[in-house]
């Protein structure tokens, strides 16, 4: 298993629709394992293929009070209720907003070994699956907000990215200044 790099918004393939799997094989099992490890390493509860640079319809989820699950080619076939809840995203780090989602959903998918899944999810697991399915359609959570809230969240994220770049440059500058000439 390996910890994969997280793709940051708006880099590809985050804003594009992911392709479905025609067949599930050992490469999907390996990718799912790597995605579980990556999700845990970043303290996430969900992760979609595009977030690790794989434009395929795969996601993993692990709610704090539940079991981990991998969904390949997931389809949400029914949604019930509506509630706003706080969301963040590993591809938009340190930015949060209240996002409306269905309370209960019906899901059909395959697991990472190709076995069919057909189940109901509610509350936090339903929110995670909806968020990750959005990633499979090229949608990030600010896209679910009204225009003013969306602009505020994206501006906040640009500030986070600016600070991340400055910190990286600072680390590189320190590393370069302490390096011996060749």
C-alpha atoms as a PDB file:
ATOM      1  CA  UNK A   1       0.000   0.000   0.000  1.00  0.00           C
ATOM      2  CA  UNK A   2       1.042   3.589  -0.563  1.00  0.00           C
ATOM      3  CA  UNK A   3       0.005   7.084   0.398  1.00  0.00           C
ATOM      4  CA  UNK A   4      -0.939   8.860  -2.823  1.00  0.00           C
ATOM      5  CA  UNK A   5      -0.651  12.565  -3.587  1.00  0.00           C
ATOM      6  CA  UNK A   6      -3.865  14.576  -3.224  1.00  0.00           C
ATOM      7  CA  UNK A   7      -4.861  16.666  -6.238  1.00  0.00           C
ATOM      8  CA  UNK A   8      -5.729  20.233  -5.217  1.00  0.00           C
ATOM      9  CA  UNK A   9      -8.577  22.212  -6.766  1.00  0.00           C
ATOM     10  CA  UNK A  10      -8.788  23.222  -9.637  1.00  0.00           C
ATOM     11  CA  UNK A  11      -6.128  20.849 -11.012  1.00  0.00           C
ATOM     12  CA  UNK A  12      -7.056  18.000 -13.351  1.00  0.00           C
ATOM     13  CA  UNK A  13      -8.857  15.679 -13.143  1.00  0.00           C
ATOM     14  CA  UNK A  14     -10.952  17.239 -10.326  1.00  0.00           C
ATOM     15  CA  UNK A  15     -13.211  19.249 -12.625  1.00  0.00           C
ATOM     16  CA  UNK A  16     -13.895  16.499 -15.160  1.00  0.00           C
ATOM     17  CA  UNK A  17     -16.340  13.601 -15.138  1.00  0.00           C
ATOM     18  CA  UNK A  18     -14.602  10.308 -14.305  1.00  0.00           C
ATOM     19  CA  UNK A  19     -14.900   7.273 -16.566  1.00  0.00           C
ATOM     20  CA  UNK A  20     -16.643   4.116 -15.346  1.00  0.00           C
ATOM     21  CA  UNK A  21     -14.823   0.825 -14.940  1.00  0.00           C
ATOM     22  CA  UNK A  22     -15.669  -1.806 -17.549  1.00  0.00           C
ATOM     23  CA  UNK A  23     -14.160  -4.551 -15.396  1.00  0.00           C
ATOM     24  CA  UNK A  24     -12.880  -4.840 -11.847  1.00  0.00           C
ATOM     25  CA  UNK A  25      -9.554  -6.571 -11.314  1.00  0.00           C
ATOM     26  CA  UNK A  26      -6.440  -6.600  -9.133  1.00  0.00           C
ATOM     27  CA  UNK A  27      -5.546  -3.009 -10.076  1.00  0.00           C
ATOM     28  CA  UNK A  28      -8.826  -1.813  -8.521  1.00  0.00           C
ATOM     29  CA  UNK A  29      -8.128  -3.781  -5.323  1.00  0.00           C
ATOM     30  CA  UNK A  30      -4.657  -2.168  -5.139  1.00  0.00           C
ATOM     31  CA  UNK A  31      -5.993   1.328  -5.869  1.00  0.00           C
ATOM     32  CA  UNK A  32      -8.682   0.936  -3.200  1.00  0.00           C
ATOM     33  CA  UNK A  33      -6.051  -0.152  -0.650  1.00  0.00           C
ATOM     34  CA  UNK A  34      -3.872   2.849  -1.542  1.00  0.00           C
ATOM     35  CA  UNK A  35      -6.893   5.157  -1.323  1.00  0.00           C
ATOM     36  CA  UNK A  36      -7.819   3.819   2.151  1.00  0.00           C
ATOM     37  CA  UNK A  37      -4.251   4.422   3.317  1.00  0.00           C
ATOM     38  CA  UNK A  38      -4.185   7.905   1.778  1.00  0.00           C
ATOM     39  CA  UNK A  39      -7.543   8.818   3.319  1.00  0.00           C
ATOM     40  CA  UNK A  40      -6.314   7.710   6.751  1.00  0.00           C
ATOM     41  CA  UNK A  41      -2.983   9.519   6.374  1.00  0.00           C
ATOM     42  CA  UNK A  42      -4.813  12.798   5.684  1.00  0.00           C
ATOM     43  CA  UNK A  43      -7.459  12.206   8.397  1.00  0.00           C
ATOM     44  CA  UNK A  44     -10.230  12.078   5.801  1.00  0.00           C
ATOM     45  CA  UNK A  45     -13.523  10.198   5.858  1.00  0.00           C
ATOM     46  CA  UNK A  46     -13.905   9.873   2.083  1.00  0.00           C
ATOM     47  CA  UNK A  47     -11.780   9.982  -1.048  1.00  0.00           C
ATOM     48  CA  UNK A  48     -12.607   9.723  -4.752  1.00  0.00           C
ATOM     49  CA  UNK A  49     -10.418   8.581  -7.642  1.00  0.00           C
ATOM     50  CA  UNK A  50     -10.022  12.062  -9.181  1.00  0.00           C
ATOM     51  CA  UNK A  51      -8.628  13.332  -5.867  1.00  0.00           C
ATOM     52  CA  UNK A  52      -5.627  11.045  -6.311  1.00  0.00           C
ATOM     53  CA  UNK A  53      -5.271  11.734 -10.038  1.00  0.00           C
ATOM     54  CA  UNK A  54      -7.288   8.723 -11.230  1.00  0.00           C
ATOM     55  CA  UNK A  55     -10.173   9.771 -13.456  1.00  0.00           C
ATOM     56  CA  UNK A  56     -12.197   6.628 -12.775  1.00  0.00           C
ATOM     57  CA  UNK A  57     -15.453   6.064 -10.871  1.00  0.00           C
ATOM     58  CA  UNK A  58     -14.131   4.752  -7.563  1.00  0.00           C
ATOM     59  CA  UNK A  59     -14.465   6.082  -4.028  1.00  0.00           C
ATOM     60  CA  UNK A  60     -13.677   4.971  -0.517  1.00  0.00           C
ATOM     61  CA  UNK A  61     -15.403   6.067   2.668  1.00  0.00           C
ATOM     62  CA  UNK A  62     -14.860   5.415   6.352  1.00  0.00           C
ATOM     63  CA  UNK A  63     -17.197   7.270   8.702  1.00  0.00           C
ATOM     64  CA  UNK A  64     -15.913   7.477  12.309  1.00  0.00           C
ATOM     65  CA  UNK A  65     -18.777   5.331  13.584  1.00  0.00           C
ATOM     66  CA  UNK A  66     -18.810   2.787  10.751  1.00  0.00           C
ATOM     67  CA  UNK A  67     -16.961   0.338   8.586  1.00  0.00           C
ATOM     68  CA  UNK A  68     -14.819   1.298   5.583  1.00  0.00           C
ATOM     69  CA  UNK A  69     -16.435   0.833   2.188  1.00  0.00           C
ATOM     70  CA  UNK A  70     -15.245   1.019  -1.428  1.00  0.00           C
ATOM     71  CA  UNK A  71     -17.710   1.839  -4.194  1.00  0.00           C
ATOM     72  CA  UNK A  72     -16.883   1.249  -7.852  1.00  0.00           C
ATOM     73  CA  UNK A  73     -19.204   2.812 -10.452  1.00  0.00           C
ATOM     74  CA  UNK A  74     -21.566   4.070  -7.718  1.00  0.00           C
ATOM     75  CA  UNK A  75     -25.048   5.297  -8.587  1.00  0.00           C
ATOM     76  CA  UNK A  76     -27.318   7.165  -6.203  1.00  0.00           C
ATOM     77  CA  UNK A  77     -30.762   5.987  -7.277  1.00  0.00           C
ATOM     78  CA  UNK A  78     -32.909   7.760  -4.677  1.00  0.00           C
ATOM     79  CA  UNK A  79     -32.543  10.716  -2.310  1.00  0.00           C
ATOM     80  CA  UNK A  80     -34.774  11.668   0.591  1.00  0.00           C
ATOM     81  CA  UNK A  81     -34.837  14.639   2.931  1.00  0.00           C
ATOM     82  CA  UNK A  82     -32.529  17.602   3.007  1.00  0.00           C
ATOM     83  CA  UNK A  83     -30.180  18.955   5.650  1.00  0.00           C
ATOM     84  CA  UNK A  84     -27.255  21.369   5.734  1.00  0.00           C
ATOM     85  CA  UNK A  85     -24.027  20.168   7.284  1.00  0.00           C
ATOM     86  CA  UNK A  86     -20.428  21.292   7.573  1.00  0.00           C
ATOM     87  CA  UNK A  87     -18.143  19.894   4.876  1.00  0.00           C
ATOM     88  CA  UNK A  88     -14.500  20.129   4.048  1.00  0.00           C
ATOM     89  CA  UNK A  89     -12.438  18.448   1.357  1.00  0.00           C
ATOM     90  CA  UNK A  90      -8.932  17.048   1.106  1.00  0.00           C
ATOM     91  CA  UNK A  91      -8.637  18.780  -2.301  1.00  0.00           C
ATOM     92  CA  UNK A  92      -9.545  22.153  -0.737  1.00  0.00           C
ATOM     93  CA  UNK A  93      -7.685  21.862   2.580  1.00  0.00           C
ATOM     94  CA  UNK A  94      -8.621  23.972   5.603  1.00  0.00           C
ATOM     95  CA  UNK A  95     -11.797  25.357   3.988  1.00  0.00           C
ATOM     96  CA  UNK A  96     -15.269  24.498   5.283  1.00  0.00           C
ATOM     97  CA  UNK A  97     -18.875  25.449   4.529  1.00  0.00           C
ATOM     98  CA  UNK A  98     -22.421  24.317   5.251  1.00  0.00           C
ATOM     99  CA  UNK A  99     -23.563  22.248   2.261  1.00  0.00           C
ATOM    100  CA  UNK A 100     -27.109  20.982   1.630  1.00  0.00           C
ATOM    101  CA  UNK A 101     -27.363  17.213   1.090  1.00  0.00           C
ATOM    102  CA  UNK A 102     -29.994  14.488   1.166  1.00  0.00           C
ATOM    103  CA  UNK A 103     -30.449  12.795   4.544  1.00  0.00           C
ATOM    104  CA  UNK A 104     -30.981   9.308   3.120  1.00  0.00           C
ATOM    105  CA  UNK A 105     -29.841   7.816  -0.185  1.00  0.00           C
ATOM    106  CA  UNK A 106     -30.101   4.519  -2.019  1.00  0.00           C
ATOM    107  CA  UNK A 107     -26.840   3.342  -3.623  1.00  0.00           C
ATOM    108  CA  UNK A 108     -25.944   0.712  -6.197  1.00  0.00           C
ATOM    109  CA  UNK A 109     -22.300  -0.064  -6.921  1.00  0.00           C
ATOM    110  CA  UNK A 110     -19.654  -2.750  -7.007  1.00  0.00           C
ATOM    111  CA  UNK A 111     -17.115  -3.294  -4.263  1.00  0.00           C
ATOM    112  CA  UNK A 112     -13.380  -3.339  -5.091  1.00  0.00           C
ATOM    113  CA  UNK A 113     -13.577  -7.056  -5.931  1.00  0.00           C
ATOM    114  CA  UNK A 114     -16.553  -6.653  -8.274  1.00  0.00           C
ATOM    115  CA  UNK A 115     -19.329  -7.895  -5.965  1.00  0.00           C
ATOM    116  CA  UNK A 116     -22.603  -5.982  -6.356  1.00  0.00           C
ATOM    117  CA  UNK A 117     -23.726  -3.660  -3.555  1.00  0.00           C
ATOM    118  CA  UNK A 118     -27.261  -2.327  -3.114  1.00  0.00           C
ATOM    119  CA  UNK A 119     -27.932  -0.446   0.129  1.00  0.00           C
ATOM    120  CA  UNK A 120     -29.418   2.548   1.935  1.00  0.00           C
ATOM    121  CA  UNK A 121     -27.148   5.108   3.611  1.00  0.00           C
ATOM    122  CA  UNK A 122     -28.221   7.897   5.901  1.00  0.00           C
ATOM    123  CA  UNK A 123     -26.876  10.828   7.833  1.00  0.00           C
ATOM    124  CA  UNK A 124     -23.071  11.164   7.769  1.00  0.00           C
ATOM    125  CA  UNK A 125     -22.392   8.162   5.500  1.00  0.00           C
ATOM    126  CA  UNK A 126     -24.967   9.504   3.025  1.00  0.00           C
ATOM    127  CA  UNK A 127     -23.221  12.901   3.113  1.00  0.00           C
ATOM    128  CA  UNK A 128     -19.804  11.317   2.500  1.00  0.00           C
ATOM    129  CA  UNK A 129     -21.052   9.257  -0.449  1.00  0.00           C
ATOM    130  CA  UNK A 130     -22.814  12.265  -2.012  1.00  0.00           C
ATOM    131  CA  UNK A 131     -19.678  14.403  -1.610  1.00  0.00           C
ATOM    132  CA  UNK A 132     -17.440  11.734  -3.167  1.00  0.00           C
ATOM    133  CA  UNK A 133     -19.923  10.983  -5.985  1.00  0.00           C
ATOM    134  CA  UNK A 134     -19.828  14.703  -6.786  1.00  0.00           C
ATOM    135  CA  UNK A 135     -16.060  14.354  -7.297  1.00  0.00           C
ATOM    136  CA  UNK A 136     -16.745  11.579  -9.812  1.00  0.00           C
ATOM    137  CA  UNK A 137     -18.872  14.077 -11.756  1.00  0.00           C
ATOM    138  CA  UNK A 138     -16.279  16.883 -11.604  1.00  0.00           C
ATOM    139  CA  UNK A 139     -18.133  18.769  -8.854  1.00  0.00           C
ATOM    140  CA  UNK A 140     -16.491  20.182  -5.710  1.00  0.00           C
ATOM    141  CA  UNK A 141     -18.479  21.180  -2.632  1.00  0.00           C
ATOM    142  CA  UNK A 142     -18.361  24.972  -3.315  1.00  0.00           C
ATOM    143  CA  UNK A 143     -20.337  24.228  -6.497  1.00  0.00           C
ATOM    144  CA  UNK A 144     -23.248  23.253  -4.209  1.00  0.00           C
ATOM    145  CA  UNK A 145     -23.317  26.684  -2.525  1.00  0.00           C
ATOM    146  CA  UNK A 146     -25.055  29.910  -3.478  1.00  0.00           C
ATOM    147  CA  UNK A 147     -22.867  32.251  -5.541  1.00  0.00           C
ATOM    148  CA  UNK A 148     -21.801  34.511  -2.646  1.00  0.00           C
ATOM    149  CA  UNK A 149     -20.892  31.613  -0.371  1.00  0.00           C
ATOM    150  CA  UNK A 150     -19.078  29.896  -3.251  1.00  0.00           C
ATOM    151  CA  UNK A 151     -16.970  32.986  -3.977  1.00  0.00           C
ATOM    152  CA  UNK A 152     -16.134  33.349  -0.280  1.00  0.00           C
ATOM    153  CA  UNK A 153     -15.036  29.701   0.017  1.00  0.00           C
ATOM    154  CA  UNK A 154     -12.930  29.851  -3.155  1.00  0.00           C
ATOM    155  CA  UNK A 155     -11.305  33.117  -2.019  1.00  0.00           C
ATOM    156  CA  UNK A 156     -10.498  31.498   1.334  1.00  0.00           C
ATOM    157  CA  UNK A 157      -8.989  28.517  -0.476  1.00  0.00           C
ATOM    158  CA  UNK A 158      -6.826  30.796  -2.645  1.00  0.00           C
ATOM    159  CA  UNK A 159      -5.443  32.273   0.572  1.00  0.00           C
ATOM    160  CA  UNK A 160      -4.707  28.759   1.859  1.00  0.00           C
ATOM    161  CA  UNK A 161      -2.935  27.875  -1.407  1.00  0.00           C
ATOM    162  CA  UNK A 162      -0.927  31.120  -1.279  1.00  0.00           C
ATOM    163  CA  UNK A 163       0.232  30.305   2.274  1.00  0.00           C
ATOM    164  CA  UNK A 164       1.096  26.735   1.217  1.00  0.00           C
ATOM    165  CA  UNK A 165       3.215  28.065  -1.696  1.00  0.00           C
ATOM    166  CA  UNK A 166       4.980  30.552   0.588  1.00  0.00           C
ATOM    167  CA  UNK A 167       5.737  27.835   3.153  1.00  0.00           C
ATOM    168  CA  UNK A 168       7.070  25.541   0.416  1.00  0.00           C
ATOM    169  CA  UNK A 169       9.247  28.323  -1.006  1.00  0.00           C
ATOM    170  CA  UNK A 170      10.502  29.141   2.467  1.00  0.00           C
ATOM    171  CA  UNK A 171      11.453  25.498   3.076  1.00  0.00           C
ATOM    172  CA  UNK A 172      13.171  25.332  -0.323  1.00  0.00           C
ATOM    173  CA  UNK A 173      14.997  28.593   0.341  1.00  0.00           C
ATOM    174  CA  UNK A 174      16.309  27.312   3.669  1.00  0.00           C
ATOM    175  CA  UNK A 175      17.306  24.020   2.074  1.00  0.00           C
ATOM    176  CA  UNK A 176      19.068  25.768  -0.809  1.00  0.00           C
ATOM    177  CA  UNK A 177      20.928  28.244   1.388  1.00  0.00           C
ATOM    178  CA  UNK A 178      22.279  25.492   3.595  1.00  0.00           C
ATOM    179  CA  UNK A 179      23.351  23.281   0.698  1.00  0.00           C
ATOM    180  CA  UNK A 180      27.008  23.007  -0.203  1.00  0.00           C
ATOM    181  CA  UNK A 181      27.992  24.215  -3.665  1.00  0.00           C
ATOM    182  CA  UNK A 182      28.920  21.483  -6.129  1.00  0.00           C
END
